[in-house]
Amino acid sequence: MKEITDDTFDAEVLQSATPVLIDFWAEWCGPCKQIAPALEEIAGEMGDQVTIAKVNIDDNPMTPSKYGVRGIPTLMIFKNGQPAAMKVGALPKNKLQEWIESSI
């Protein structure tokens, strides 16, 4: 999974030709750690359809505040430079995958 920062967000996400799923997370967040392995697996399985990336909200506070992230984990799918879908909270892998497939 790609690490995205406030500085690389525009180039890596908003200008991406493929949909990008951003996982807004933090080191101290238990549910964030719960879903990380599932997101890693999905990245491996669906890597040709969607880019899966992470933004650490503690290290990069500008991007989450710009998109109204209030709780973590917050997952956002961006298509054509725009937020297309959002989920807050941890989900099992099969639910994550269904949501991603329906959103891209």
N, C-alpha and C. Protein backbone atom coordinates (compact mmCIF):
# COMPACT_ATOMS: atom_id res chain seq x y z
N MET A 1 0.84 -1.19 0.00
CA MET A 1 0.00 0.00 0.00
C MET A 1 0.87 1.24 0.00
N LYS A 2 0.43 2.22 -0.72
CA LYS A 2 1.15 3.47 -0.88
C LYS A 2 0.91 4.39 0.32
N GLU A 3 1.95 5.06 0.76
CA GLU A 3 1.81 6.11 1.79
C GLU A 3 1.66 7.44 1.07
N ILE A 4 0.59 8.16 1.39
CA ILE A 4 0.33 9.46 0.77
C ILE A 4 0.49 10.53 1.85
N THR A 5 1.05 11.67 1.46
CA THR A 5 1.22 12.78 2.40
C THR A 5 0.41 13.98 1.89
N ASP A 6 0.32 15.01 2.74
CA ASP A 6 -0.33 16.24 2.29
C ASP A 6 0.32 16.75 1.01
N ASP A 7 1.64 16.61 0.92
CA ASP A 7 2.39 17.12 -0.24
C ASP A 7 2.15 16.31 -1.51
N THR A 8 1.93 14.99 -1.38
CA THR A 8 1.79 14.15 -2.57
C THR A 8 0.34 13.86 -2.94
N PHE A 9 -0.61 14.32 -2.11
CA PHE A 9 -2.03 13.97 -2.31
C PHE A 9 -2.54 14.37 -3.69
N ASP A 10 -2.30 15.61 -4.10
CA ASP A 10 -2.82 16.07 -5.40
C ASP A 10 -2.31 15.20 -6.55
N ALA A 11 -1.01 14.99 -6.58
CA ALA A 11 -0.41 14.23 -7.68
C ALA A 11 -0.81 12.76 -7.65
N GLU A 12 -0.79 12.15 -6.47
CA GLU A 12 -1.02 10.71 -6.36
C GLU A 12 -2.49 10.33 -6.39
N VAL A 13 -3.37 11.22 -5.92
CA VAL A 13 -4.79 10.87 -5.78
C VAL A 13 -5.66 11.63 -6.77
N LEU A 14 -5.62 12.96 -6.69
CA LEU A 14 -6.52 13.75 -7.51
C LEU A 14 -6.21 13.67 -9.00
N GLN A 15 -4.94 13.42 -9.35
CA GLN A 15 -4.56 13.33 -10.76
C GLN A 15 -4.41 11.89 -11.24
N SER A 16 -4.81 10.93 -10.41
CA SER A 16 -4.69 9.52 -10.78
C SER A 16 -5.69 9.15 -11.87
N ALA A 17 -5.23 8.34 -12.83
CA ALA A 17 -6.12 7.87 -13.91
C ALA A 17 -7.05 6.77 -13.41
N THR A 18 -6.64 6.07 -12.36
CA THR A 18 -7.47 4.99 -11.81
C THR A 18 -8.07 5.44 -10.48
N PRO A 19 -9.18 4.82 -10.05
CA PRO A 19 -9.74 5.16 -8.73
C PRO A 19 -8.72 4.90 -7.62
N VAL A 20 -8.78 5.72 -6.58
CA VAL A 20 -7.87 5.57 -5.45
C VAL A 20 -8.69 5.48 -4.17
N LEU A 21 -8.43 4.44 -3.38
CA LEU A 21 -9.03 4.32 -2.05
C LEU A 21 -8.02 4.85 -1.05
N ILE A 22 -8.43 5.83 -0.27
CA ILE A 22 -7.55 6.37 0.78
C ILE A 22 -8.04 5.87 2.13
N ASP A 23 -7.12 5.32 2.90
CA ASP A 23 -7.39 4.90 4.28
C ASP A 23 -6.79 5.98 5.18
N PHE A 24 -7.66 6.81 5.77
CA PHE A 24 -7.20 7.80 6.75
C PHE A 24 -7.07 7.06 8.08
N TRP A 25 -5.85 7.03 8.64
CA TRP A 25 -5.58 6.21 9.82
C TRP A 25 -4.61 6.91 10.75
N ALA A 26 -4.38 6.29 11.92
CA ALA A 26 -3.37 6.78 12.86
C ALA A 26 -2.77 5.58 13.59
N GLU A 27 -1.55 5.76 14.05
CA GLU A 27 -0.80 4.70 14.75
C GLU A 27 -1.55 4.19 15.98
N TRP A 28 -2.23 5.07 16.68
CA TRP A 28 -2.89 4.73 17.94
C TRP A 28 -4.30 4.16 17.77
N CYS A 29 -4.77 4.02 16.54
CA CYS A 29 -6.15 3.61 16.26
C CYS A 29 -6.27 2.09 16.12
N GLY A 30 -6.94 1.46 17.07
CA GLY A 30 -7.13 0.01 17.06
C GLY A 30 -7.87 -0.50 15.82
N PRO A 31 -9.06 0.07 15.50
CA PRO A 31 -9.79 -0.40 14.31
C PRO A 31 -9.00 -0.21 13.01
N CYS A 32 -8.14 0.83 12.97
CA CYS A 32 -7.30 1.04 11.79
C CYS A 32 -6.36 -0.16 11.60
N LYS A 33 -5.81 -0.63 12.71
CA LYS A 33 -4.90 -1.78 12.65
C LYS A 33 -5.65 -3.06 12.28
N GLN A 34 -6.94 -3.14 12.69
CA GLN A 34 -7.76 -4.31 12.36
C GLN A 34 -7.97 -4.45 10.86
N ILE A 35 -8.25 -3.33 10.18
CA ILE A 35 -8.57 -3.44 8.75
C ILE A 35 -7.35 -3.41 7.85
N ALA A 36 -6.19 -3.05 8.39
CA ALA A 36 -4.98 -2.94 7.56
C ALA A 36 -4.66 -4.24 6.79
N PRO A 37 -4.69 -5.42 7.44
CA PRO A 37 -4.38 -6.65 6.68
C PRO A 37 -5.38 -6.90 5.55
N ALA A 38 -6.66 -6.62 5.78
CA ALA A 38 -7.67 -6.81 4.73
C ALA A 38 -7.40 -5.87 3.56
N LEU A 39 -7.05 -4.62 3.86
CA LEU A 39 -6.75 -3.67 2.79
C LEU A 39 -5.51 -4.09 2.00
N GLU A 40 -4.52 -4.64 2.71
CA GLU A 40 -3.31 -5.15 2.03
C GLU A 40 -3.70 -6.26 1.05
N GLU A 41 -4.55 -7.19 1.49
CA GLU A 41 -4.98 -8.30 0.63
C GLU A 41 -5.75 -7.78 -0.57
N ILE A 42 -6.67 -6.85 -0.32
CA ILE A 42 -7.47 -6.28 -1.41
C ILE A 42 -6.56 -5.55 -2.40
N ALA A 43 -5.55 -4.85 -1.90
CA ALA A 43 -4.60 -4.15 -2.77
C ALA A 43 -3.93 -5.15 -3.71
N GLY A 44 -3.58 -6.31 -3.17
CA GLY A 44 -2.95 -7.35 -3.99
C GLY A 44 -3.91 -7.94 -5.02
N GLU A 45 -5.17 -8.11 -4.63
CA GLU A 45 -6.16 -8.74 -5.50
C GLU A 45 -6.75 -7.79 -6.54
N MET A 46 -6.92 -6.52 -6.17
CA MET A 46 -7.61 -5.56 -7.05
C MET A 46 -6.70 -4.43 -7.53
N GLY A 47 -5.39 -4.64 -7.42
CA GLY A 47 -4.42 -3.58 -7.73
C GLY A 47 -4.52 -3.01 -9.12
N ASP A 48 -5.06 -3.79 -10.08
CA ASP A 48 -5.17 -3.28 -11.45
C ASP A 48 -6.43 -2.41 -11.63
N GLN A 49 -7.37 -2.48 -10.67
CA GLN A 49 -8.62 -1.71 -10.78
C GLN A 49 -8.64 -0.47 -9.90
N VAL A 50 -7.92 -0.54 -8.77
CA VAL A 50 -7.96 0.55 -7.80
C VAL A 50 -6.62 0.62 -7.07
N THR A 51 -6.16 1.84 -6.80
CA THR A 51 -4.96 2.03 -5.99
C THR A 51 -5.40 2.18 -4.54
N ILE A 52 -4.77 1.44 -3.65
CA ILE A 52 -5.11 1.55 -2.23
C ILE A 52 -3.93 2.22 -1.52
N ALA A 53 -4.24 3.31 -0.82
CA ALA A 53 -3.20 4.11 -0.20
C ALA A 53 -3.63 4.55 1.19
N LYS A 54 -2.67 5.00 1.99
CA LYS A 54 -2.93 5.41 3.37
C LYS A 54 -2.46 6.83 3.61
N VAL A 55 -3.21 7.55 4.45
CA VAL A 55 -2.79 8.87 4.90
C VAL A 55 -2.79 8.84 6.42
N ASN A 56 -1.62 9.04 7.03
CA ASN A 56 -1.52 9.11 8.49
C ASN A 56 -2.00 10.50 8.91
N ILE A 57 -3.13 10.55 9.64
CA ILE A 57 -3.74 11.85 9.96
C ILE A 57 -2.91 12.67 10.95
N ASP A 58 -2.08 12.01 11.74
CA ASP A 58 -1.24 12.75 12.69
C ASP A 58 -0.10 13.46 11.97
N ASP A 59 0.47 12.79 10.96
CA ASP A 59 1.59 13.37 10.22
C ASP A 59 1.12 14.31 9.12
N ASN A 60 -0.12 14.15 8.67
CA ASN A 60 -0.64 14.92 7.53
C ASN A 60 -2.03 15.46 7.86
N PRO A 61 -2.12 16.51 8.68
CA PRO A 61 -3.42 17.00 9.15
C PRO A 61 -4.23 17.79 8.12
N MET A 62 -3.60 18.30 7.07
CA MET A 62 -4.32 19.17 6.13
C MET A 62 -5.34 18.41 5.28
N THR A 63 -4.94 17.27 4.74
CA THR A 63 -5.83 16.53 3.84
C THR A 63 -7.09 16.02 4.56
N PRO A 64 -6.97 15.36 5.73
CA PRO A 64 -8.21 14.91 6.38
C PRO A 64 -9.15 16.06 6.73
N SER A 65 -8.61 17.19 7.17
CA SER A 65 -9.50 18.30 7.51
C SER A 65 -10.17 18.87 6.26
N LYS A 66 -9.47 18.87 5.14
CA LYS A 66 -10.04 19.35 3.88
C LYS A 66 -11.25 18.51 3.46
N TYR A 67 -11.20 17.21 3.75
CA TYR A 67 -12.28 16.31 3.33
C TYR A 67 -13.23 15.94 4.47
N GLY A 68 -13.14 16.65 5.58
CA GLY A 68 -14.11 16.47 6.66
C GLY A 68 -13.99 15.16 7.42
N VAL A 69 -12.78 14.61 7.49
CA VAL A 69 -12.58 13.36 8.24
C VAL A 69 -12.67 13.67 9.73
N ARG A 70 -13.63 13.03 10.41
CA ARG A 70 -13.82 13.27 11.84
C ARG A 70 -13.52 12.05 12.69
N GLY A 71 -13.70 10.87 12.13
CA GLY A 71 -13.42 9.63 12.86
C GLY A 71 -12.54 8.76 11.99
N ILE A 72 -11.80 7.88 12.63
CA ILE A 72 -10.96 6.97 11.85
C ILE A 72 -11.21 5.53 12.31
N PRO A 73 -11.02 4.56 11.45
CA PRO A 73 -10.61 4.73 10.06
C PRO A 73 -11.73 5.30 9.20
N THR A 74 -11.36 6.23 8.33
CA THR A 74 -12.27 6.72 7.29
C THR A 74 -11.67 6.28 5.97
N LEU A 75 -12.47 5.62 5.16
CA LEU A 75 -12.05 5.19 3.84
C LEU A 75 -12.79 6.04 2.82
N MET A 76 -12.04 6.61 1.88
CA MET A 76 -12.64 7.41 0.82
C MET A 76 -12.13 6.92 -0.53
N ILE A 77 -13.06 6.81 -1.46
CA ILE A 77 -12.69 6.47 -2.83
C ILE A 77 -12.77 7.74 -3.67
N PHE A 78 -11.68 8.03 -4.37
CA PHE A 78 -11.62 9.18 -5.26
C PHE A 78 -11.62 8.69 -6.70
N LYS A 79 -12.49 9.29 -7.51
CA LYS A 79 -12.50 9.00 -8.95
C LYS A 79 -12.49 10.32 -9.69
N ASN A 80 -11.64 10.41 -10.69
CA ASN A 80 -11.53 11.63 -11.51
C ASN A 80 -11.32 12.88 -10.65
N GLY A 81 -10.51 12.75 -9.60
CA GLY A 81 -10.16 13.88 -8.76
C GLY A 81 -11.23 14.30 -7.76
N GLN A 82 -12.30 13.51 -7.64
CA GLN A 82 -13.39 13.85 -6.74
C GLN A 82 -13.68 12.71 -5.77
N PRO A 83 -14.10 13.02 -4.52
CA PRO A 83 -14.53 11.96 -3.62
C PRO A 83 -15.79 11.31 -4.19
N ALA A 84 -15.79 9.98 -4.32
CA ALA A 84 -16.93 9.27 -4.91
C ALA A 84 -17.70 8.46 -3.87
N ALA A 85 -17.01 8.03 -2.80
CA ALA A 85 -17.67 7.22 -1.77
C ALA A 85 -16.86 7.32 -0.48
N MET A 86 -17.56 7.13 0.65
CA MET A 86 -16.89 7.21 1.95
C MET A 86 -17.51 6.22 2.92
N LYS A 87 -16.66 5.60 3.73
CA LYS A 87 -17.09 4.70 4.81
C LYS A 87 -16.28 5.06 6.04
N VAL A 88 -16.94 5.05 7.20
CA VAL A 88 -16.24 5.30 8.45
C VAL A 88 -16.36 4.05 9.31
N GLY A 89 -15.22 3.63 9.88
CA GLY A 89 -15.23 2.47 10.77
C GLY A 89 -14.65 1.24 10.10
N ALA A 90 -14.41 0.23 10.92
CA ALA A 90 -13.81 -1.02 10.45
C ALA A 90 -14.90 -1.94 9.89
N LEU A 91 -14.59 -2.60 8.80
CA LEU A 91 -15.49 -3.58 8.19
C LEU A 91 -14.71 -4.85 7.92
N PRO A 92 -15.39 -6.01 7.89
CA PRO A 92 -14.68 -7.23 7.48
C PRO A 92 -14.29 -7.16 6.01
N LYS A 93 -13.30 -7.95 5.62
CA LYS A 93 -12.74 -7.89 4.27
C LYS A 93 -13.81 -8.02 3.19
N ASN A 94 -14.74 -8.97 3.35
CA ASN A 94 -15.73 -9.18 2.30
C ASN A 94 -16.62 -7.95 2.12
N LYS A 95 -16.96 -7.26 3.21
CA LYS A 95 -17.77 -6.04 3.13
C LYS A 95 -16.97 -4.89 2.50
N LEU A 96 -15.68 -4.80 2.86
CA LEU A 96 -14.82 -3.79 2.23
C LEU A 96 -14.77 -3.99 0.72
N GLN A 97 -14.57 -5.25 0.33
CA GLN A 97 -14.43 -5.57 -1.08
C GLN A 97 -15.74 -5.26 -1.84
N GLU A 98 -16.88 -5.62 -1.25
CA GLU A 98 -18.18 -5.33 -1.89
C GLU A 98 -18.34 -3.82 -2.08
N TRP A 99 -18.01 -3.06 -1.03
CA TRP A 99 -18.14 -1.60 -1.09
C TRP A 99 -17.23 -1.01 -2.18
N ILE A 100 -15.99 -1.48 -2.22
CA ILE A 100 -15.04 -0.98 -3.23
C ILE A 100 -15.56 -1.30 -4.63
N GLU A 101 -15.98 -2.55 -4.85
CA GLU A 101 -16.45 -2.97 -6.18
C GLU A 101 -17.67 -2.16 -6.60
N SER A 102 -18.58 -1.86 -5.69
CA SER A 102 -19.77 -1.10 -6.03
C SER A 102 -19.46 0.38 -6.24
N SER A 103 -18.34 0.85 -5.72
CA SER A 103 -18.00 2.27 -5.79
C SER A 103 -17.09 2.63 -6.97
N ILE A 104 -16.37 1.64 -7.49
CA ILE A 104 -15.47 1.96 -8.61
C ILE A 104 -16.12 1.57 -9.91
